[in-house]
């Protein structure tokens, strides 16, 4: 961004005629700051979701085998004689 600003300042000192669609440094800087703010918020949201996902994954990794053992144990002890 500094290079853009210094380049624009140099061209102004040289009395360069900028095209009508030229984006002024202030405008580019503002857009860049807004973009970085959005990116920061999105990154924080994603990181929070990843943390939640990892926590759930660890819970499932721990409890799922335990639930299968309990289920197998209950099915082995169940009376299927119908009486």
C-alpha atoms as a PDB file:
ATOM      1  CA  UNK A   1       0.000   0.000   0.000  1.00  0.00           C
ATOM      2  CA  UNK A   2       2.879   2.340   0.753  1.00  0.00           C
ATOM      3  CA  UNK A   3       4.215   1.834  -2.743  1.00  0.00           C
ATOM      4  CA  UNK A   4       0.820   2.770  -4.195  1.00  0.00           C
ATOM      5  CA  UNK A   5       0.688   5.934  -2.068  1.00  0.00           C
ATOM      6  CA  UNK A   6       4.234   6.996  -2.888  1.00  0.00           C
ATOM      7  CA  UNK A   7       3.714   6.263  -6.584  1.00  0.00           C
ATOM      8  CA  UNK A   8       0.567   8.354  -6.654  1.00  0.00           C
ATOM      9  CA  UNK A   9       2.335  11.189  -4.807  1.00  0.00           C
ATOM     10  CA  UNK A  10       5.230  11.078  -7.286  1.00  0.00           C
ATOM     11  CA  UNK A  11       2.857  11.188 -10.240  1.00  0.00           C
ATOM     12  CA  UNK A  12       1.018  14.164  -8.689  1.00  0.00           C
ATOM     13  CA  UNK A  13       4.304  16.044  -8.263  1.00  0.00           C
ATOM     14  CA  UNK A  14       5.056  15.346 -11.928  1.00  0.00           C
ATOM     15  CA  UNK A  15       1.588  16.735 -12.794  1.00  0.00           C
ATOM     16  CA  UNK A  16       0.468  13.447 -14.260  1.00  0.00           C
ATOM     17  CA  UNK A  17      -3.102  13.476 -15.564  1.00  0.00           C
ATOM     18  CA  UNK A  18      -4.782  10.501 -13.973  1.00  0.00           C
ATOM     19  CA  UNK A  19      -7.451   8.663 -15.978  1.00  0.00           C
ATOM     20  CA  UNK A  20     -11.051   9.207 -14.932  1.00  0.00           C
ATOM     21  CA  UNK A  21     -11.296   5.689 -13.519  1.00  0.00           C
ATOM     22  CA  UNK A  22      -8.175   6.078 -11.339  1.00  0.00           C
ATOM     23  CA  UNK A  23      -8.698   4.813  -7.805  1.00  0.00           C
ATOM     24  CA  UNK A  24      -7.282   7.294  -5.319  1.00  0.00           C
ATOM     25  CA  UNK A  25      -5.024   5.904  -2.621  1.00  0.00           C
ATOM     26  CA  UNK A  26      -7.474   6.890   0.131  1.00  0.00           C
ATOM     27  CA  UNK A  27     -10.217   4.898  -1.573  1.00  0.00           C
ATOM     28  CA  UNK A  28      -8.008   1.846  -2.095  1.00  0.00           C
ATOM     29  CA  UNK A  29      -6.765   2.017   1.488  1.00  0.00           C
ATOM     30  CA  UNK A  30     -10.319   2.241   2.830  1.00  0.00           C
ATOM     31  CA  UNK A  31     -11.430  -0.738   0.783  1.00  0.00           C
ATOM     32  CA  UNK A  32      -8.344  -2.692   1.854  1.00  0.00           C
ATOM     33  CA  UNK A  33      -9.002  -1.955   5.541  1.00  0.00           C
ATOM     34  CA  UNK A  34     -12.665  -2.952   5.160  1.00  0.00           C
ATOM     35  CA  UNK A  35     -11.648  -6.164   3.405  1.00  0.00           C
ATOM     36  CA  UNK A  36      -9.162  -7.011   6.169  1.00  0.00           C
ATOM     37  CA  UNK A  37     -11.791  -6.376   8.832  1.00  0.00           C
ATOM     38  CA  UNK A  38     -14.254  -8.711   7.090  1.00  0.00           C
ATOM     39  CA  UNK A  39     -11.516 -11.307   6.644  1.00  0.00           C
ATOM     40  CA  UNK A  40     -10.621 -11.056  10.341  1.00  0.00           C
ATOM     41  CA  UNK A  41     -14.231 -11.578  11.447  1.00  0.00           C
ATOM     42  CA  UNK A  42     -14.719 -14.499   9.061  1.00  0.00           C
ATOM     43  CA  UNK A  43     -11.458 -16.103  10.205  1.00  0.00           C
ATOM     44  CA  UNK A  44     -12.480 -15.765  13.854  1.00  0.00           C
ATOM     45  CA  UNK A  45     -15.875 -17.323  13.093  1.00  0.00           C
ATOM     46  CA  UNK A  46     -14.276 -20.213  11.211  1.00  0.00           C
ATOM     47  CA  UNK A  47     -11.753 -20.791  13.997  1.00  0.00           C
ATOM     48  CA  UNK A  48     -14.580 -20.934  16.532  1.00  0.00           C
ATOM     49  CA  UNK A  49     -16.435 -23.458  14.377  1.00  0.00           C
ATOM     50  CA  UNK A  50     -13.288 -25.549  13.919  1.00  0.00           C
ATOM     51  CA  UNK A  51     -12.739 -25.592  17.682  1.00  0.00           C
ATOM     52  CA  UNK A  52     -16.323 -26.722  18.237  1.00  0.00           C
ATOM     53  CA  UNK A  53     -16.004 -29.369  15.542  1.00  0.00           C
ATOM     54  CA  UNK A  54     -12.784 -30.730  17.053  1.00  0.00           C
ATOM     55  CA  UNK A  55     -14.377 -30.874  20.490  1.00  0.00           C
ATOM     56  CA  UNK A  56     -17.372 -32.792  19.122  1.00  0.00           C
ATOM     57  CA  UNK A  57     -15.089 -35.111  17.190  1.00  0.00           C
ATOM     58  CA  UNK A  58     -13.148 -35.926  20.341  1.00  0.00           C
ATOM     59  CA  UNK A  59     -16.374 -36.532  22.252  1.00  0.00           C
ATOM     60  CA  UNK A  60     -17.628 -38.901  19.577  1.00  0.00           C
ATOM     61  CA  UNK A  61     -14.264 -40.653  19.395  1.00  0.00           C
ATOM     62  CA  UNK A  62     -14.416 -41.247  23.138  1.00  0.00           C
ATOM     63  CA  UNK A  63     -18.105 -41.991  23.691  1.00  0.00           C
ATOM     64  CA  UNK A  64     -19.040 -43.880  20.529  1.00  0.00           C
ATOM     65  CA  UNK A  65     -16.922 -46.955  21.309  1.00  0.00           C
ATOM     66  CA  UNK A  66     -18.245 -46.829  24.869  1.00  0.00           C
ATOM     67  CA  UNK A  67     -21.840 -46.749  23.600  1.00  0.00           C
ATOM     68  CA  UNK A  68     -21.158 -49.718  21.307  1.00  0.00           C
ATOM     69  CA  UNK A  69     -19.769 -51.699  24.264  1.00  0.00           C
ATOM     70  CA  UNK A  70     -22.827 -50.887  26.361  1.00  0.00           C
ATOM     71  CA  UNK A  71     -25.132 -51.776  23.478  1.00  0.00           C
ATOM     72  CA  UNK A  72     -23.338 -55.077  22.834  1.00  0.00           C
ATOM     73  CA  UNK A  73     -23.464 -55.874  26.531  1.00  0.00           C
ATOM     74  CA  UNK A  74     -27.202 -55.171  26.745  1.00  0.00           C
ATOM     75  CA  UNK A  75     -27.947 -57.226  23.636  1.00  0.00           C
ATOM     76  CA  UNK A  76     -25.877 -60.152  24.957  1.00  0.00           C
ATOM     77  CA  UNK A  77     -27.842 -60.162  28.233  1.00  0.00           C
ATOM     78  CA  UNK A  78     -31.307 -59.732  26.654  1.00  0.00           C
ATOM     79  CA  UNK A  79     -33.662 -62.671  26.739  1.00  0.00           C
ATOM     80  CA  UNK A  80     -34.996 -63.421  23.236  1.00  0.00           C
ATOM     81  CA  UNK A  81     -37.104 -66.379  24.292  1.00  0.00           C
ATOM     82  CA  UNK A  82     -40.262 -64.382  23.919  1.00  0.00           C
ATOM     83  CA  UNK A  83     -41.463 -65.220  27.355  1.00  0.00           C
END
